[in-house]
Amino acid sequence: MKILKRLIKRNIAGDIILVPVGDASLEIKGLITLNETGEFLWDALEKAESESALAAMLAAEYDVDMATAEADTKVFLQKLKELGIIE
């Protein structure tokens, strides 16, 4: 998967935030807050060859069943696609 927009991950007062920079700041209004699993998925995004590979990484890391990992991954990726962050 490929990240289209430039975002920098920052830890601000204990919260994990994606901050748009450059032209992305004109298109993405505000900041994106990630929970623990969102941060894991974000960090693994470009390493994963597919959505199912990303879900498998999530399932292994958090010891959850594959159906739950797939559902969570799908929701996360859909939000990023809606914001035009990934393709």
Foldseek 3Di string as FASTA:
>chain_A
DDFDFDWDWDQDPNWTKTHGDDPLCVQDPDIDTDDPLLVVLVVCVVVAPDLLSSLVVSCVVVVDDSVVSSVVSVVSVVVCVVSVGGD
